[in-house]
Amino acid sequence: MTGRPWDHARHCAALEAEVAAFAEAAAGADLEEPVPSCPGWTVAELVRHLGAMHRWAGGTVRVGAPRRLSLRELGVSFPVVPGDHLPWFGEGAQRLLEILRAADPDAPVWAWGLDQHARFWSRRMLFETAVHRADLEIARGRTPALAPEPAVEGMDELLENLESAAAFAPKVENLRGDGEVLAFEAADAGSRRVLRLLPDRFEWTREDAADGGAADATVRGAASDVFLFLWGRRKLGDPALEFTGNDDLLVHWVENSAI
């Protein structure tokens, strides 16, 4: 992957772009339209969810929370009138960006992932927004996509935090095995992520695609499509991706990695 390293400032800049893309897609959407990739949700519920997450993350960083605070504790309120959803979303996103950009990236803050600092939240909210922007575009009949660099960074963000997600996604604990190897290859970025299932945990590493060794199963495609597969927005058998190797291992991943 090329380009300067990802840091808090770059995550904030990319988050701002994703917020704008989400707002653009939402502006022309029917709030009652179902969201196929979030079964049971409408566009209005998707907007409410993402707006709440922005307010939760922003409030957590703003107060330097030493523990998980609830939406109620942070004083988060929701829109009541349907016409208020998009202004409410925009206000929360703008405030989140202001809080994150004013924060010391190294400031200690509670986070559900391993990195217990303010910088966790700029990265997490970037990809929370990117995934839900994809959901919104799917609902509108569009084909969502990320540029290769943020998509690969998003692959890393998911894999780094996945073990910690077991606290609210207990099936993650089932990602165990006897050394089976899964590879996720972003062909357009020349990057490969290799995950090994062990009896008590899983491990993952970064590789150049050209140097990749043998894997029991591989998912290969554009970085954007691999990212969306890891988040369950592309499915097994999707023609945008190439699936090779052990089908049962791929199914095991899909059934237990959702967060």
C-alpha atoms as a PDB file:
ATOM      1  CA  MET A   1       0.000   0.000   0.000  1.00  0.00           C
ATOM      2  CA  THR A   2       1.269   3.476  -0.858  1.00  0.00           C
ATOM      3  CA  GLY A   3       0.699   6.883   0.654  1.00  0.00           C
ATOM      4  CA  ARG A   4       1.474   8.387   4.040  1.00  0.00           C
ATOM      5  CA  PRO A   5       0.750   6.366   7.175  1.00  0.00           C
ATOM      6  CA  TRP A   6      -2.677   6.468   8.705  1.00  0.00           C
ATOM      7  CA  ASP A   7      -2.873   8.573  11.849  1.00  0.00           C
ATOM      8  CA  HIS A   8      -5.537  10.400  13.844  1.00  0.00           C
ATOM      9  CA  ALA A   9      -5.579  13.434  11.542  1.00  0.00           C
ATOM     10  CA  ARG A  10      -5.887  11.291   8.436  1.00  0.00           C
ATOM     11  CA  HIS A  11      -8.672   9.233  10.002  1.00  0.00           C
ATOM     12  CA  CYS A  12     -10.510  12.465  10.805  1.00  0.00           C
ATOM     13  CA  ALA A  13     -10.141  13.728   7.230  1.00  0.00           C
ATOM     14  CA  ALA A  14     -11.384  10.435   5.804  1.00  0.00           C
ATOM     15  CA  LEU A  15     -14.253  10.408   8.310  1.00  0.00           C
ATOM     16  CA  GLU A  16     -15.310  13.859   7.126  1.00  0.00           C
ATOM     17  CA  ALA A  17     -15.429  12.571   3.546  1.00  0.00           C
ATOM     18  CA  GLU A  18     -17.489   9.521   4.567  1.00  0.00           C
ATOM     19  CA  VAL A  19     -19.927  11.708   6.509  1.00  0.00           C
ATOM     20  CA  ALA A  20     -20.420  13.848   3.405  1.00  0.00           C
ATOM     21  CA  ALA A  21     -20.965  10.751   1.250  1.00  0.00           C
ATOM     22  CA  PHE A  22     -23.501   9.348   3.713  1.00  0.00           C
ATOM     23  CA  ALA A  23     -25.358  12.672   3.887  1.00  0.00           C
ATOM     24  CA  GLU A  24     -25.467  12.900   0.089  1.00  0.00           C
ATOM     25  CA  ALA A  25     -26.950   9.419  -0.220  1.00  0.00           C
ATOM     26  CA  ALA A  26     -29.418  10.024   2.603  1.00  0.00           C
ATOM     27  CA  ALA A  27     -30.638  13.336   1.175  1.00  0.00           C
ATOM     28  CA  GLY A  28     -32.451  11.625  -1.689  1.00  0.00           C
ATOM     29  CA  ALA A  29     -33.572   8.530   0.165  1.00  0.00           C
ATOM     30  CA  ASP A  30     -37.027   7.471   1.307  1.00  0.00           C
ATOM     31  CA  LEU A  31     -36.691   7.192   5.083  1.00  0.00           C
ATOM     32  CA  GLU A  32     -39.097   4.243   5.094  1.00  0.00           C
ATOM     33  CA  GLU A  33     -37.097   2.298   2.501  1.00  0.00           C
ATOM     34  CA  PRO A  34     -35.815  -1.029   3.903  1.00  0.00           C
ATOM     35  CA  VAL A  35     -32.062  -1.603   4.180  1.00  0.00           C
ATOM     36  CA  PRO A  36     -31.376  -5.121   2.825  1.00  0.00           C
ATOM     37  CA  SER A  37     -27.945  -5.428   4.457  1.00  0.00           C
ATOM     38  CA  CYS A  38     -29.422  -4.544   7.885  1.00  0.00           C
ATOM     39  CA  PRO A  39     -32.512  -6.781   8.039  1.00  0.00           C
ATOM     40  CA  GLY A  40     -35.439  -5.136   9.780  1.00  0.00           C
ATOM     41  CA  TRP A  41     -34.054  -1.617   9.490  1.00  0.00           C
ATOM     42  CA  THR A  42     -35.356   1.262   7.425  1.00  0.00           C
ATOM     43  CA  VAL A  43     -33.234   4.144   6.183  1.00  0.00           C
ATOM     44  CA  ALA A  44     -34.562   6.217   9.094  1.00  0.00           C
ATOM     45  CA  GLU A  45     -33.336   3.608  11.576  1.00  0.00           C
ATOM     46  CA  LEU A  46     -29.956   3.479   9.860  1.00  0.00           C
ATOM     47  CA  VAL A  47     -29.638   7.259  10.120  1.00  0.00           C
ATOM     48  CA  ARG A  48     -30.659   7.132  13.795  1.00  0.00           C
ATOM     49  CA  HIS A  49     -28.148   4.396  14.537  1.00  0.00           C
ATOM     50  CA  LEU A  50     -25.201   6.118  12.888  1.00  0.00           C
ATOM     51  CA  GLY A  51     -26.122   9.484  14.351  1.00  0.00           C
ATOM     52  CA  ALA A  52     -26.297   7.904  17.805  1.00  0.00           C
ATOM     53  CA  MET A  53     -22.899   6.245  17.348  1.00  0.00           C
ATOM     54  CA  HIS A  54     -21.381   9.577  16.353  1.00  0.00           C
ATOM     55  CA  ARG A  55     -22.813  11.238  19.453  1.00  0.00           C
ATOM     56  CA  TRP A  56     -21.727   8.327  21.675  1.00  0.00           C
ATOM     57  CA  ALA A  57     -18.157   8.358  20.373  1.00  0.00           C
ATOM     58  CA  GLY A  58     -17.926  12.130  20.477  1.00  0.00           C
ATOM     59  CA  GLY A  59     -19.265  12.283  24.020  1.00  0.00           C
ATOM     60  CA  THR A  60     -16.913   9.526  25.146  1.00  0.00           C
ATOM     61  CA  VAL A  61     -13.889  11.443  23.833  1.00  0.00           C
ATOM     62  CA  ARG A  62     -15.139  14.837  24.999  1.00  0.00           C
ATOM     63  CA  VAL A  63     -15.390  13.760  28.659  1.00  0.00           C
ATOM     64  CA  GLY A  64     -12.373  11.448  28.561  1.00  0.00           C
ATOM     65  CA  ALA A  65     -14.575   8.613  29.750  1.00  0.00           C
ATOM     66  CA  PRO A  66     -12.731   6.060  31.923  1.00  0.00           C
ATOM     67  CA  ARG A  67     -15.515   3.504  31.370  1.00  0.00           C
ATOM     68  CA  ARG A  68     -18.297   2.788  28.938  1.00  0.00           C
ATOM     69  CA  LEU A  69     -20.950   5.496  29.202  1.00  0.00           C
ATOM     70  CA  SER A  70     -24.485   4.973  27.932  1.00  0.00           C
ATOM     71  CA  LEU A  71     -26.280   7.205  25.486  1.00  0.00           C
ATOM     72  CA  ARG A  72     -28.486   8.335  28.356  1.00  0.00           C
ATOM     73  CA  GLU A  73     -25.468   9.279  30.492  1.00  0.00           C
ATOM     74  CA  LEU A  74     -24.118  11.320  27.606  1.00  0.00           C
ATOM     75  CA  GLY A  75     -27.451  13.087  27.101  1.00  0.00           C
ATOM     76  CA  VAL A  76     -28.068  11.804  23.588  1.00  0.00           C
ATOM     77  CA  SER A  77     -31.532  12.594  22.229  1.00  0.00           C
ATOM     78  CA  PHE A  78     -33.152  11.449  18.991  1.00  0.00           C
ATOM     79  CA  PRO A  79     -35.239  13.132  16.298  1.00  0.00           C
ATOM     80  CA  VAL A  80     -38.987  12.659  16.567  1.00  0.00           C
ATOM     81  CA  VAL A  81     -40.221  14.248  13.346  1.00  0.00           C
ATOM     82  CA  PRO A  82     -39.048  12.401  10.182  1.00  0.00           C
ATOM     83  CA  GLY A  83     -37.979  15.643   8.534  1.00  0.00           C
ATOM     84  CA  ASP A  84     -35.550  16.258  11.374  1.00  0.00           C
ATOM     85  CA  HIS A  85     -33.458  13.116  10.783  1.00  0.00           C
ATOM     86  CA  LEU A  86     -30.958  14.539   8.314  1.00  0.00           C
ATOM     87  CA  PRO A  87     -30.282  17.862  10.103  1.00  0.00           C
ATOM     88  CA  TRP A  88     -29.928  15.895  13.353  1.00  0.00           C
ATOM     89  CA  PHE A  89     -27.453  13.551  11.696  1.00  0.00           C
ATOM     90  CA  GLY A  90     -25.430  16.442  10.255  1.00  0.00           C
ATOM     91  CA  GLU A  91     -25.250  18.253  13.587  1.00  0.00           C
ATOM     92  CA  GLY A  92     -23.971  15.148  15.373  1.00  0.00           C
ATOM     93  CA  ALA A  93     -21.397  14.354  12.707  1.00  0.00           C
ATOM     94  CA  GLN A  94     -20.077  17.918  12.701  1.00  0.00           C
ATOM     95  CA  ARG A  95     -19.784  17.920  16.490  1.00  0.00           C
ATOM     96  CA  LEU A  96     -17.987  14.557  16.408  1.00  0.00           C
ATOM     97  CA  LEU A  97     -15.425  15.924  13.955  1.00  0.00           C
ATOM     98  CA  GLU A  98     -14.893  19.035  16.080  1.00  0.00           C
ATOM     99  CA  ILE A  99     -14.340  16.948  19.210  1.00  0.00           C
ATOM    100  CA  LEU A 100     -11.979  14.511  17.527  1.00  0.00           C
ATOM    101  CA  ARG A 101      -9.879  17.230  15.883  1.00  0.00           C
ATOM    102  CA  ALA A 102      -9.563  19.085  19.187  1.00  0.00           C
ATOM    103  CA  ALA A 103      -8.558  15.947  21.076  1.00  0.00           C
ATOM    104  CA  ASP A 104      -5.049  14.789  21.889  1.00  0.00           C
ATOM    105  CA  PRO A 105      -4.822  11.485  19.980  1.00  0.00           C
ATOM    106  CA  ASP A 106      -2.837   9.998  22.874  1.00  0.00           C
ATOM    107  CA  ALA A 107      -5.346  11.020  25.538  1.00  0.00           C
ATOM    108  CA  PRO A 108      -6.546   7.986  27.555  1.00  0.00           C
ATOM    109  CA  VAL A 109     -10.197   7.215  26.833  1.00  0.00           C
ATOM    110  CA  TRP A 110     -12.303   4.096  27.296  1.00  0.00           C
ATOM    111  CA  ALA A 111     -12.693   2.073  24.117  1.00  0.00           C
ATOM    112  CA  TRP A 112     -14.062  -1.386  23.444  1.00  0.00           C
ATOM    113  CA  GLY A 113     -10.969  -2.240  21.386  1.00  0.00           C
ATOM    114  CA  LEU A 114      -7.348  -2.646  22.393  1.00  0.00           C
ATOM    115  CA  ASP A 115      -6.285   0.971  21.836  1.00  0.00           C
ATOM    116  CA  GLN A 116      -7.599   2.843  24.883  1.00  0.00           C
ATOM    117  CA  HIS A 117      -6.953   6.333  23.518  1.00  0.00           C
ATOM    118  CA  ALA A 118      -8.854   9.065  21.713  1.00  0.00           C
ATOM    119  CA  ARG A 119      -7.310   7.965  18.412  1.00  0.00           C
ATOM    120  CA  PHE A 120      -9.273   4.700  18.602  1.00  0.00           C
ATOM    121  CA  TRP A 121     -12.473   6.644  18.022  1.00  0.00           C
ATOM    122  CA  SER A 122     -11.437   8.572  14.908  1.00  0.00           C
ATOM    123  CA  ARG A 123     -10.483   5.281  13.286  1.00  0.00           C
ATOM    124  CA  ARG A 124     -13.526   3.403  14.548  1.00  0.00           C
ATOM    125  CA  MET A 125     -15.997   6.089  13.488  1.00  0.00           C
ATOM    126  CA  LEU A 126     -14.404   6.293  10.054  1.00  0.00           C
ATOM    127  CA  PHE A 127     -15.197   2.660   9.361  1.00  0.00           C
ATOM    128  CA  GLU A 128     -18.509   2.656  11.226  1.00  0.00           C
ATOM    129  CA  THR A 129     -19.539   5.423   8.849  1.00  0.00           C
ATOM    130  CA  ALA A 130     -18.055   3.749   5.781  1.00  0.00           C
ATOM    131  CA  VAL A 131     -19.896   0.485   6.428  1.00  0.00           C
ATOM    132  CA  HIS A 132     -23.209   2.231   7.002  1.00  0.00           C
ATOM    133  CA  ARG A 133     -22.673   4.436   3.961  1.00  0.00           C
ATOM    134  CA  ALA A 134     -22.377   1.150   2.059  1.00  0.00           C
ATOM    135  CA  ASP A 135     -25.640  -0.024   3.663  1.00  0.00           C
ATOM    136  CA  LEU A 136     -27.371   3.154   2.558  1.00  0.00           C
ATOM    137  CA  GLU A 137     -26.077   2.866  -0.993  1.00  0.00           C
ATOM    138  CA  ILE A 138     -27.196  -0.763  -1.157  1.00  0.00           C
ATOM    139  CA  ALA A 139     -30.658   0.362  -0.031  1.00  0.00           C
ATOM    140  CA  ARG A 140     -30.653   2.925  -2.856  1.00  0.00           C
ATOM    141  CA  GLY A 141     -29.639   0.377  -5.494  1.00  0.00           C
ATOM    142  CA  ARG A 142     -26.089   1.647  -5.815  1.00  0.00           C
ATOM    143  CA  THR A 143     -22.828  -0.317  -5.725  1.00  0.00           C
ATOM    144  CA  PRO A 144     -20.781   0.879  -2.742  1.00  0.00           C
ATOM    145  CA  ALA A 145     -17.015   1.197  -2.968  1.00  0.00           C
ATOM    146  CA  LEU A 146     -14.030   2.491  -1.027  1.00  0.00           C
ATOM    147  CA  ALA A 147     -10.694   3.561  -2.464  1.00  0.00           C
ATOM    148  CA  PRO A 148      -7.980   0.905  -2.005  1.00  0.00           C
ATOM    149  CA  GLU A 149      -6.001   2.634   0.755  1.00  0.00           C
ATOM    150  CA  PRO A 150      -8.871   3.255   3.194  1.00  0.00           C
ATOM    151  CA  ALA A 151     -10.271  -0.180   2.387  1.00  0.00           C
ATOM    152  CA  VAL A 152      -7.007  -1.875   3.402  1.00  0.00           C
ATOM    153  CA  GLU A 153      -6.795   0.296   6.522  1.00  0.00           C
ATOM    154  CA  GLY A 154     -10.360  -0.804   7.275  1.00  0.00           C
ATOM    155  CA  MET A 155      -9.404  -4.458   6.919  1.00  0.00           C
ATOM    156  CA  ASP A 156      -6.689  -3.902   9.531  1.00  0.00           C
ATOM    157  CA  GLU A 157      -9.055  -2.025  11.845  1.00  0.00           C
ATOM    158  CA  LEU A 158     -11.508  -4.903  11.845  1.00  0.00           C
ATOM    159  CA  LEU A 159      -8.915  -7.616  12.378  1.00  0.00           C
ATOM    160  CA  GLU A 160      -7.169  -5.686  15.158  1.00  0.00           C
ATOM    161  CA  ASN A 161     -10.396  -5.232  17.110  1.00  0.00           C
ATOM    162  CA  LEU A 162     -12.185  -8.478  16.322  1.00  0.00           C
ATOM    163  CA  GLU A 163     -11.070 -10.419  19.407  1.00  0.00           C
ATOM    164  CA  SER A 164     -12.230  -7.556  21.655  1.00  0.00           C
ATOM    165  CA  ALA A 165     -15.635  -7.598  19.957  1.00  0.00           C
ATOM    166  CA  ALA A 166     -16.385 -10.943  21.617  1.00  0.00           C
ATOM    167  CA  ALA A 167     -17.738  -8.919  24.549  1.00  0.00           C
ATOM    168  CA  PHE A 168     -20.804  -8.037  22.445  1.00  0.00           C
ATOM    169  CA  ALA A 169     -20.478 -10.542  19.585  1.00  0.00           C
ATOM    170  CA  PRO A 170     -19.847 -13.822  21.438  1.00  0.00           C
ATOM    171  CA  LYS A 171     -19.604 -15.962  18.299  1.00  0.00           C
ATOM    172  CA  VAL A 172     -16.176 -14.421  17.732  1.00  0.00           C
ATOM    173  CA  GLU A 173     -14.984 -16.865  20.399  1.00  0.00           C
ATOM    174  CA  ASN A 174     -15.711 -19.664  17.907  1.00  0.00           C
ATOM    175  CA  LEU A 175     -12.942 -18.455  15.594  1.00  0.00           C
ATOM    176  CA  ARG A 176     -10.663 -21.218  16.775  1.00  0.00           C
ATOM    177  CA  GLY A 177      -9.094 -24.201  15.069  1.00  0.00           C
ATOM    178  CA  ASP A 178      -6.066 -26.390  14.603  1.00  0.00           C
ATOM    179  CA  GLY A 179      -3.901 -24.026  12.622  1.00  0.00           C
ATOM    180  CA  GLU A 180      -6.153 -23.505   9.589  1.00  0.00           C
ATOM    181  CA  VAL A 181      -5.131 -20.475   7.531  1.00  0.00           C
ATOM    182  CA  LEU A 182      -7.479 -17.949   5.920  1.00  0.00           C
ATOM    183  CA  ALA A 183      -6.118 -15.339   3.520  1.00  0.00           C
ATOM    184  CA  PHE A 184      -7.820 -12.099   2.490  1.00  0.00           C
ATOM    185  CA  GLU A 185      -6.076 -10.647  -0.549  1.00  0.00           C
ATOM    186  CA  ALA A 186      -6.617  -7.104  -1.803  1.00  0.00           C
ATOM    187  CA  ALA A 187      -5.385  -7.550  -5.339  1.00  0.00           C
ATOM    188  CA  ASP A 188      -5.433  -3.878  -6.372  1.00  0.00           C
ATOM    189  CA  ALA A 189      -3.450  -2.856  -3.279  1.00  0.00           C
ATOM    190  CA  GLY A 190      -0.940  -5.720  -3.411  1.00  0.00           C
ATOM    191  CA  SER A 191      -1.816  -6.517   0.206  1.00  0.00           C
ATOM    192  CA  ARG A 192      -2.718  -9.735   1.928  1.00  0.00           C
ATOM    193  CA  ARG A 193      -4.004 -10.397   5.438  1.00  0.00           C
ATOM    194  CA  VAL A 194      -3.445 -13.903   6.766  1.00  0.00           C
ATOM    195  CA  LEU A 195      -5.428 -15.244   9.692  1.00  0.00           C
ATOM    196  CA  ARG A 196      -4.532 -18.462  11.506  1.00  0.00           C
ATOM    197  CA  LEU A 197      -7.073 -20.219  13.725  1.00  0.00           C
ATOM    198  CA  LEU A 198      -5.460 -21.679  16.852  1.00  0.00           C
ATOM    199  CA  PRO A 199      -7.009 -23.749  19.667  1.00  0.00           C
ATOM    200  CA  ASP A 200      -7.328 -20.769  22.046  1.00  0.00           C
ATOM    201  CA  ARG A 201      -7.221 -17.681  19.799  1.00  0.00           C
ATOM    202  CA  PHE A 202      -6.555 -16.474  16.283  1.00  0.00           C
ATOM    203  CA  GLU A 203      -3.551 -14.582  14.952  1.00  0.00           C
ATOM    204  CA  TRP A 204      -3.221 -12.440  11.865  1.00  0.00           C
ATOM    205  CA  THR A 205      -0.394 -10.868   9.908  1.00  0.00           C
ATOM    206  CA  ARG A 206       0.128  -8.459   7.007  1.00  0.00           C
ATOM    207  CA  GLU A 207       1.859  -9.663   3.858  1.00  0.00           C
ATOM    208  CA  ASP A 208       2.574  -8.455   0.371  1.00  0.00           C
ATOM    209  CA  ALA A 209       0.347 -10.367  -1.985  1.00  0.00           C
ATOM    210  CA  ALA A 210       3.317 -11.418  -4.111  1.00  0.00           C
ATOM    211  CA  ASP A 211       4.956 -13.094  -1.107  1.00  0.00           C
ATOM    212  CA  GLY A 212       1.865 -14.930   0.064  1.00  0.00           C
ATOM    213  CA  GLY A 213       2.253 -18.506   1.173  1.00  0.00           C
ATOM    214  CA  ALA A 214      -0.239 -21.337   1.102  1.00  0.00           C
ATOM    215  CA  ALA A 215      -3.639 -20.882   2.707  1.00  0.00           C
ATOM    216  CA  ASP A 216      -6.460 -23.320   3.370  1.00  0.00           C
ATOM    217  CA  ALA A 217      -8.954 -20.786   1.996  1.00  0.00           C
ATOM    218  CA  THR A 218      -8.557 -17.464   0.228  1.00  0.00           C
ATOM    219  CA  VAL A 219     -10.826 -14.523  -0.529  1.00  0.00           C
ATOM    220  CA  ARG A 220      -9.361 -12.380  -3.309  1.00  0.00           C
ATOM    221  CA  GLY A 221     -10.588  -9.237  -5.017  1.00  0.00           C
ATOM    222  CA  ALA A 222     -10.431  -5.466  -4.983  1.00  0.00           C
ATOM    223  CA  ALA A 223      -9.636  -4.053  -1.541  1.00  0.00           C
ATOM    224  CA  SER A 224     -13.084  -2.451  -1.359  1.00  0.00           C
ATOM    225  CA  ASP A 225     -14.843  -5.740  -2.020  1.00  0.00           C
ATOM    226  CA  VAL A 226     -12.683  -7.659   0.474  1.00  0.00           C
ATOM    227  CA  PHE A 227     -13.388  -4.982   3.095  1.00  0.00           C
ATOM    228  CA  LEU A 228     -17.115  -5.237   2.444  1.00  0.00           C
ATOM    229  CA  PHE A 229     -16.911  -9.050   2.621  1.00  0.00           C
ATOM    230  CA  LEU A 230     -15.188  -8.866   6.009  1.00  0.00           C
ATOM    231  CA  TRP A 231     -18.079  -6.694   7.190  1.00  0.00           C
ATOM    232  CA  GLY A 232     -20.689  -9.045   5.742  1.00  0.00           C
ATOM    233  CA  ARG A 233     -21.810  -6.636   3.016  1.00  0.00           C
ATOM    234  CA  ARG A 234     -20.567  -8.976   0.303  1.00  0.00           C
ATOM    235  CA  LYS A 235     -21.458 -12.635   0.599  1.00  0.00           C
ATOM    236  CA  LEU A 236     -19.896 -15.975  -0.182  1.00  0.00           C
ATOM    237  CA  GLY A 237     -20.234 -16.592  -3.890  1.00  0.00           C
ATOM    238  CA  ASP A 238     -20.341 -12.892  -4.767  1.00  0.00           C
ATOM    239  CA  PRO A 239     -19.006 -12.616  -8.347  1.00  0.00           C
ATOM    240  CA  ALA A 240     -16.981  -9.550  -7.370  1.00  0.00           C
ATOM    241  CA  LEU A 241     -14.700 -11.854  -5.358  1.00  0.00           C
ATOM    242  CA  GLU A 242     -12.738 -15.026  -5.960  1.00  0.00           C
ATOM    243  CA  PHE A 243     -13.144 -17.749  -3.329  1.00  0.00           C
ATOM    244  CA  THR A 244     -10.756 -20.689  -3.288  1.00  0.00           C
ATOM    245  CA  GLY A 245      -9.936 -23.522  -0.915  1.00  0.00           C
ATOM    246  CA  ASN A 246     -11.906 -24.995   1.955  1.00  0.00           C
ATOM    247  CA  ASP A 247     -15.563 -23.986   1.703  1.00  0.00           C
ATOM    248  CA  ASP A 248     -16.295 -25.095   5.268  1.00  0.00           C
ATOM    249  CA  LEU A 249     -13.563 -22.797   6.583  1.00  0.00           C
ATOM    250  CA  LEU A 250     -15.028 -19.861   4.688  1.00  0.00           C
ATOM    251  CA  VAL A 251     -18.487 -20.614   6.070  1.00  0.00           C
ATOM    252  CA  HIS A 252     -17.017 -20.878   9.577  1.00  0.00           C
ATOM    253  CA  TRP A 253     -15.506 -17.420   9.175  1.00  0.00           C
ATOM    254  CA  VAL A 254     -18.741 -15.886   7.910  1.00  0.00           C
ATOM    255  CA  GLU A 255     -20.880 -17.438  10.632  1.00  0.00           C
ATOM    256  CA  ASN A 256     -18.664 -16.306  13.506  1.00  0.00           C
ATOM    257  CA  SER A 257     -16.979 -13.043  12.500  1.00  0.00           C
ATOM    258  CA  ALA A 258     -20.027 -10.766  12.268  1.00  0.00           C
ATOM    259  CA  ILE A 259     -19.961  -7.812  14.674  1.00  0.00           C
END
